[in-house]
């Protein structure tokens, strides 16, 4: 029987923790008796941690990793994966939008195909018309900009082999999008479609989604920089042609008129210049942040069984 690790994160998850624990435990027992459940508390402002800790004393297979503050969903997931010790690692969100029962289906697929990763993708994207249209545009932009092929509507839920997870956690970028890391790590990956349940309003606001989109593009592609170069080259060429035409008109005695068009051109070129500087600035800011070499995440405590392990006495307290 394989050893199984189940990894999830906690952030405003108190209403779902107990039901998730019950359902995922039932599914794990169908696969193996040797399993662990790792919950990473990502500085949740509600009582998610308290609720999870109430389960630790009754379930020795449950491990709670408490981060010192909120580091973000992607970093919390990577922290949980770093601690996972199973031959197979199942990653899933705790909010039950991705049914825990998928684990058995994914396990059967791994056994049948002999692949390293089985990941889930939504059959139909949930949300209103604006959210769906925005999602389509976002995926179109990612597909156009990235040199790698990221599956459309891929979800968090996935079952991975230990060798894949160990290579995945070698990535140490502080500003990145984990969806791209899943792909560039490689190995044999298989997609399964599923129906995602919408249980609550997403914690990702419009600006958070926009930031994630920018992170995805600037983390894995230099194409925006090439775009800025060709845009500048095109404007320079066009400006040179217009300038030559105006000089020729002046030499022929024509009156140079059109102050409105001049001002519009100045504003247009000024806006383009600021936009291009902003694009370059995104890449420079990444260099600035990465060169600091700060800890990826900081673990405050690890709770397993009936005892808590203080991070000050653990080498693995500050990881990644």
Protein backbone atom coordinates (compact mmCIF):
# COMPACT_ATOMS: atom_id res chain seq x y z
CA UNK A 1 0.00 0.00 0.00
CA UNK A 2 1.31 3.49 -0.81
CA UNK A 3 1.81 6.08 1.85
CA UNK A 4 -0.54 8.98 1.18
CA UNK A 5 -0.22 12.66 2.11
CA UNK A 6 -3.18 15.02 1.83
CA UNK A 7 -2.33 18.74 1.78
CA UNK A 8 -4.70 21.68 2.13
CA UNK A 9 -4.60 25.28 3.35
CA UNK A 10 -6.75 27.21 5.81
CA UNK A 11 -7.89 30.78 5.26
CA UNK A 12 -11.37 31.83 6.36
CA UNK A 13 -12.17 28.13 6.25
CA UNK A 14 -13.78 27.51 9.65
CA UNK A 15 -17.21 26.45 8.26
CA UNK A 16 -15.64 23.73 6.13
CA UNK A 17 -12.85 22.22 8.22
CA UNK A 18 -14.80 19.54 10.08
CA UNK A 19 -16.76 18.27 7.08
CA UNK A 20 -13.64 18.32 4.92
CA UNK A 21 -11.73 16.30 7.53
CA UNK A 22 -14.50 13.71 7.77
CA UNK A 23 -14.93 13.28 4.03
CA UNK A 24 -11.24 13.24 3.13
CA UNK A 25 -10.52 10.73 5.91
CA UNK A 26 -13.19 8.39 4.53
CA UNK A 27 -11.67 8.60 1.05
CA UNK A 28 -8.11 8.09 2.31
CA UNK A 29 -9.09 4.87 4.09
CA UNK A 30 -10.34 3.47 0.78
CA UNK A 31 -6.82 3.77 -0.60
CA UNK A 32 -4.51 3.00 2.33
CA UNK A 33 -4.31 2.90 6.12
CA UNK A 34 -0.98 4.75 5.99
CA UNK A 35 -1.94 8.37 5.36
CA UNK A 36 -1.50 11.83 6.81
CA UNK A 37 -3.54 15.02 6.52
CA UNK A 38 -1.57 18.27 6.51
CA UNK A 39 -3.45 21.53 7.02
CA UNK A 40 -1.48 24.76 6.62
CA UNK A 41 -2.96 27.74 8.45
CA UNK A 42 -2.13 30.74 6.30
CA UNK A 43 -2.68 33.35 9.00
CA UNK A 44 -6.46 32.92 8.83
CA UNK A 45 -8.31 35.78 10.59
CA UNK A 46 -11.22 33.56 11.68
CA UNK A 47 -11.15 30.52 13.98
CA UNK A 48 -10.03 28.07 11.28
CA UNK A 49 -6.95 27.17 13.32
CA UNK A 50 -8.95 26.63 16.52
CA UNK A 51 -11.40 24.40 14.68
CA UNK A 52 -8.59 22.38 13.12
CA UNK A 53 -6.78 22.03 16.46
CA UNK A 54 -9.93 20.57 18.00
CA UNK A 55 -9.53 17.67 15.57
CA UNK A 56 -5.84 17.04 16.28
CA UNK A 57 -6.42 15.30 19.62
CA UNK A 58 -8.90 12.84 18.10
CA UNK A 59 -7.00 12.13 14.89
CA UNK A 60 -3.29 11.24 15.18
CA UNK A 61 -3.02 11.34 11.39
CA UNK A 62 -3.76 15.06 11.31
CA UNK A 63 -0.92 17.61 11.29
CA UNK A 64 -1.45 21.36 11.52
CA UNK A 65 1.24 23.76 10.29
CA UNK A 66 0.68 27.29 11.57
CA UNK A 67 2.41 30.01 9.57
CA UNK A 68 3.57 33.13 11.40
CA UNK A 69 1.36 35.34 9.20
CA UNK A 70 -0.52 35.34 5.92
CA UNK A 71 1.93 34.57 3.09
CA UNK A 72 -0.59 33.84 0.35
CA UNK A 73 -2.39 30.77 -0.96
CA UNK A 74 0.34 29.60 -3.33
CA UNK A 75 3.16 29.84 -0.79
CA UNK A 76 1.05 28.08 1.84
CA UNK A 77 0.41 25.21 -0.57
CA UNK A 78 4.13 24.93 -1.36
CA UNK A 79 4.88 24.84 2.37
CA UNK A 80 2.47 21.94 2.86
CA UNK A 81 3.98 20.10 -0.08
CA UNK A 82 7.45 20.57 1.39
CA UNK A 83 6.35 18.77 4.56
CA UNK A 84 4.46 15.98 2.79
CA UNK A 85 6.22 12.63 3.12
CA UNK A 86 3.87 10.32 1.22
CA UNK A 87 4.56 8.28 -1.88
CA UNK A 88 1.48 10.02 -3.28
CA UNK A 89 0.46 13.59 -2.43
CA UNK A 90 -3.10 14.85 -2.88
CA UNK A 91 -3.47 18.64 -3.00
CA UNK A 92 -6.93 20.15 -2.59
CA UNK A 93 -8.65 23.28 -1.26
CA UNK A 94 -10.53 22.87 2.01
CA UNK A 95 -13.68 24.77 0.96
CA UNK A 96 -15.30 21.65 -0.57
CA UNK A 97 -15.78 23.32 -3.97
CA UNK A 98 -13.50 20.53 -5.18
CA UNK A 99 -15.13 17.31 -3.86
CA UNK A 100 -12.75 15.25 -1.65
CA UNK A 101 -14.22 12.16 -3.33
CA UNK A 102 -12.14 13.03 -6.41
CA UNK A 103 -9.10 11.53 -4.65
CA UNK A 104 -10.26 7.96 -5.24
CA UNK A 105 -10.97 8.71 -8.90
CA UNK A 106 -7.55 10.34 -9.33
CA UNK A 107 -5.84 7.39 -7.61
CA UNK A 108 -7.49 4.94 -10.02
CA UNK A 109 -6.29 7.08 -12.92
CA UNK A 110 -2.71 7.08 -11.62
CA UNK A 111 -2.83 3.31 -11.24
CA UNK A 112 -4.26 2.83 -14.72
CA UNK A 113 -2.05 5.25 -16.64
CA UNK A 114 1.12 5.12 -14.56
CA UNK A 115 1.41 8.91 -14.76
CA UNK A 116 3.04 11.24 -12.26
CA UNK A 117 0.25 13.80 -11.94
CA UNK A 118 -3.51 13.73 -12.35
CA UNK A 119 -5.00 17.22 -12.12
CA UNK A 120 -8.56 18.47 -12.28
CA UNK A 121 -10.01 21.10 -14.61
CA UNK A 122 -13.47 22.65 -14.40
CA UNK A 123 -15.92 21.51 -17.05
CA UNK A 124 -17.72 24.86 -16.92
CA UNK A 125 -16.37 27.99 -15.28
CA UNK A 126 -18.63 29.21 -12.46
CA UNK A 127 -19.67 32.80 -11.81
CA UNK A 128 -21.54 35.59 -13.55
CA UNK A 129 -21.10 36.76 -17.10
CA UNK A 130 -18.43 39.30 -16.18
CA UNK A 131 -16.39 36.71 -14.29
CA UNK A 132 -16.69 34.16 -17.09
CA UNK A 133 -15.79 36.65 -19.81
CA UNK A 134 -12.89 37.91 -17.70
CA UNK A 135 -11.72 34.34 -17.20
CA UNK A 136 -11.81 33.64 -20.93
CA UNK A 137 -9.83 36.82 -21.64
CA UNK A 138 -7.32 36.02 -18.89
CA UNK A 139 -6.70 32.51 -20.20
CA UNK A 140 -6.41 33.86 -23.76
CA UNK A 141 -3.77 36.35 -22.62
CA UNK A 142 -1.85 33.69 -20.69
CA UNK A 143 -1.93 31.35 -23.70
CA UNK A 144 -0.73 34.13 -26.01
CA UNK A 145 2.05 35.39 -23.75
CA UNK A 146 3.46 32.26 -22.11
CA UNK A 147 5.90 29.95 -23.90
CA UNK A 148 4.36 27.02 -22.01
CA UNK A 149 0.88 25.59 -22.48
CA UNK A 150 -1.16 26.06 -19.30
CA UNK A 151 -4.38 23.97 -19.28
CA UNK A 152 -7.48 26.17 -19.39
CA UNK A 153 -9.50 26.25 -16.15
CA UNK A 154 -7.08 23.97 -14.31
CA UNK A 155 -7.89 23.70 -10.62
CA UNK A 156 -5.92 23.21 -7.43
CA UNK A 157 -6.98 19.61 -6.93
CA UNK A 158 -4.37 17.09 -8.08
CA UNK A 159 -2.73 13.80 -7.11
CA UNK A 160 1.06 13.72 -7.50
CA UNK A 161 3.86 11.24 -7.02
CA UNK A 162 6.57 11.92 -4.49
CA UNK A 163 9.30 12.36 -7.13
CA UNK A 164 7.22 15.03 -8.89
CA UNK A 165 6.52 16.91 -5.64
CA UNK A 166 10.19 16.92 -4.68
CA UNK A 167 11.11 18.53 -7.98
CA UNK A 168 8.18 20.97 -7.76
CA UNK A 169 9.30 22.26 -4.36
CA UNK A 170 12.77 23.04 -5.72
CA UNK A 171 11.28 26.21 -7.23
CA UNK A 172 11.92 29.05 -4.80
CA UNK A 173 10.57 32.15 -6.56
CA UNK A 174 8.96 34.58 -4.13
CA UNK A 175 6.75 36.13 -6.80
CA UNK A 176 5.27 33.48 -9.02
CA UNK A 177 2.09 31.75 -10.10
CA UNK A 178 1.94 28.13 -9.01
CA UNK A 179 -0.12 27.17 -12.08
CA UNK A 180 2.93 27.75 -14.25
CA UNK A 181 5.22 25.87 -11.86
CA UNK A 182 2.96 22.82 -12.08
CA UNK A 183 3.54 22.76 -15.84
CA UNK A 184 7.23 23.63 -16.16
CA UNK A 185 8.14 20.92 -13.64
CA UNK A 186 7.22 18.45 -16.37
CA UNK A 187 6.71 14.69 -15.87
CA UNK A 188 3.72 12.78 -17.24
CA UNK A 189 0.52 14.65 -16.45
CA UNK A 190 -3.11 13.73 -17.13
CA UNK A 191 -6.17 15.96 -17.01
CA UNK A 192 -9.57 14.98 -15.62
CA UNK A 193 -12.66 17.19 -15.90
CA UNK A 194 -14.96 17.69 -12.92
CA UNK A 195 -17.86 19.89 -11.82
CA UNK A 196 -16.74 22.50 -9.33
CA UNK A 197 -19.25 23.46 -6.65
CA UNK A 198 -19.69 27.17 -5.90
CA UNK A 199 -20.15 27.44 -2.12
CA UNK A 200 -19.02 30.99 -1.36
CA UNK A 201 -17.92 34.22 -2.92
CA UNK A 202 -14.35 33.97 -4.13
CA UNK A 203 -11.67 35.56 -1.97
CA UNK A 204 -9.96 36.74 -5.14
CA UNK A 205 -11.05 40.29 -5.93
CA UNK A 206 -10.73 41.82 -9.40
CA UNK A 207 -7.41 43.43 -8.52
CA UNK A 208 -6.15 40.18 -6.96
CA UNK A 209 -7.02 38.33 -10.15
CA UNK A 210 -5.32 41.03 -12.20
CA UNK A 211 -2.20 40.73 -10.04
CA UNK A 212 -2.23 36.95 -10.48
CA UNK A 213 -2.51 37.42 -14.24
CA UNK A 214 0.47 39.80 -14.28
CA UNK A 215 2.45 37.43 -12.04
CA UNK A 216 1.71 34.55 -14.42
CA UNK A 217 2.92 36.46 -17.46
CA UNK A 218 5.99 38.14 -15.95
CA UNK A 219 7.10 34.98 -14.11
CA UNK A 220 7.31 32.75 -17.15
CA UNK A 221 7.61 34.93 -20.24
CA UNK A 222 9.86 37.67 -21.61
CA UNK A 223 7.45 38.36 -24.48
CA UNK A 224 6.14 41.65 -22.96
CA UNK A 225 9.70 42.99 -23.07
CA UNK A 226 9.97 42.05 -26.74
CA UNK A 227 6.59 43.69 -27.25
CA UNK A 228 7.87 46.92 -25.69
CA UNK A 229 10.94 46.82 -27.96
CA UNK A 230 8.92 46.32 -31.15
CA UNK A 231 6.38 48.93 -30.07
CA UNK A 232 9.19 51.46 -29.57
CA UNK A 233 10.77 50.52 -32.87
CA UNK A 234 7.45 50.90 -34.68
CA UNK A 235 6.73 54.30 -33.13
CA UNK A 236 10.26 55.49 -33.97
CA UNK A 237 9.86 54.40 -37.60
CA UNK A 238 6.44 56.01 -37.93
CA UNK A 239 7.67 59.22 -36.27
CA UNK A 240 10.63 59.39 -38.63
CA UNK A 241 8.38 59.08 -41.67
CA UNK A 242 5.99 61.76 -40.37
CA UNK A 243 8.89 64.06 -39.53
CA UNK A 244 10.34 63.64 -43.03
CA UNK A 245 6.95 64.46 -44.53
CA UNK A 246 6.50 67.61 -42.42
CA UNK A 247 10.01 68.85 -43.22
CA UNK A 248 9.35 68.31 -46.91
CA UNK A 249 6.08 70.24 -46.61
CA UNK A 250 7.85 73.10 -44.86
CA UNK A 251 10.57 73.31 -47.50
CA UNK A 252 7.89 73.50 -50.16
CA UNK A 253 6.35 76.49 -48.38
CA UNK A 254 3.28 74.79 -46.93
CA UNK A 255 1.97 76.16 -43.62
CA UNK A 256 2.41 73.76 -40.73
CA UNK A 257 -0.92 73.59 -38.92
CA UNK A 258 -2.66 71.13 -36.61
CA UNK A 259 -1.79 71.93 -33.02
CA UNK A 260 -4.58 69.62 -31.85
CA UNK A 261 -3.04 66.63 -33.62
CA UNK A 262 0.34 67.54 -32.15
CA UNK A 263 -1.02 67.62 -28.60
CA UNK A 264 -2.88 64.33 -29.11
CA UNK A 265 0.32 62.75 -30.37
CA UNK A 266 2.25 64.04 -27.35
CA UNK A 267 -0.30 62.59 -24.93
CA UNK A 268 -0.42 59.30 -26.83
CA UNK A 269 3.34 58.89 -26.93
CA UNK A 270 3.63 59.96 -23.29
CA UNK A 271 1.09 57.35 -22.24
CA UNK A 272 2.87 54.66 -24.22
CA UNK A 273 6.18 55.63 -22.66
CA UNK A 274 4.76 55.38 -19.14
CA UNK A 275 3.16 52.03 -19.96
CA UNK A 276 6.45 50.65 -21.31
CA UNK A 277 8.36 51.88 -18.26
CA UNK A 278 5.76 50.15 -16.09
CA UNK A 279 6.23 46.83 -17.91
CA UNK A 280 9.99 47.01 -17.51
CA UNK A 281 9.47 48.03 -13.88
CA UNK A 282 7.55 44.82 -13.17
CA UNK A 283 10.56 42.77 -14.22
CA UNK A 284 12.98 44.99 -12.30
CA UNK A 285 10.85 44.69 -9.15
CA UNK A 286 11.04 40.90 -9.43
CA UNK A 287 14.83 41.06 -9.55
CA UNK A 288 14.80 43.35 -6.50
CA UNK A 289 12.58 41.02 -4.47
CA UNK A 290 14.35 37.79 -5.45
CA UNK A 291 17.82 39.15 -4.59
CA UNK A 292 16.77 39.72 -0.98
CA UNK A 293 16.67 35.94 -0.37
CA UNK A 294 14.15 36.27 2.44
CA UNK A 295 12.47 33.13 3.85
CA UNK A 296 9.74 31.82 1.59
CA UNK A 297 7.45 31.20 4.54
CA UNK A 298 7.94 31.11 8.31
CA UNK A 299 6.31 28.39 10.39
CA UNK A 300 5.22 29.41 13.88
CA UNK A 301 4.15 26.00 15.20
CA UNK A 302 3.52 22.46 14.11
CA UNK A 303 0.73 20.55 15.84
CA UNK A 304 0.60 16.80 15.56
CA UNK A 305 -1.40 14.52 17.80
CA UNK A 306 -1.76 16.02 21.27
CA UNK A 307 1.40 18.08 21.27
CA UNK A 308 2.68 21.19 19.55
CA UNK A 309 6.21 21.46 18.26
CA UNK A 310 7.62 24.98 18.58
CA UNK A 311 9.45 26.14 15.49
CA UNK A 312 12.34 27.55 17.48
CA UNK A 313 13.48 23.99 18.19
CA UNK A 314 13.04 22.74 14.64
CA UNK A 315 15.47 23.04 11.77
CA UNK A 316 12.57 22.77 9.42
CA UNK A 317 10.67 25.63 10.97
CA UNK A 318 11.76 28.19 8.39
CA UNK A 319 11.58 26.49 5.03
CA UNK A 320 11.68 27.09 1.33
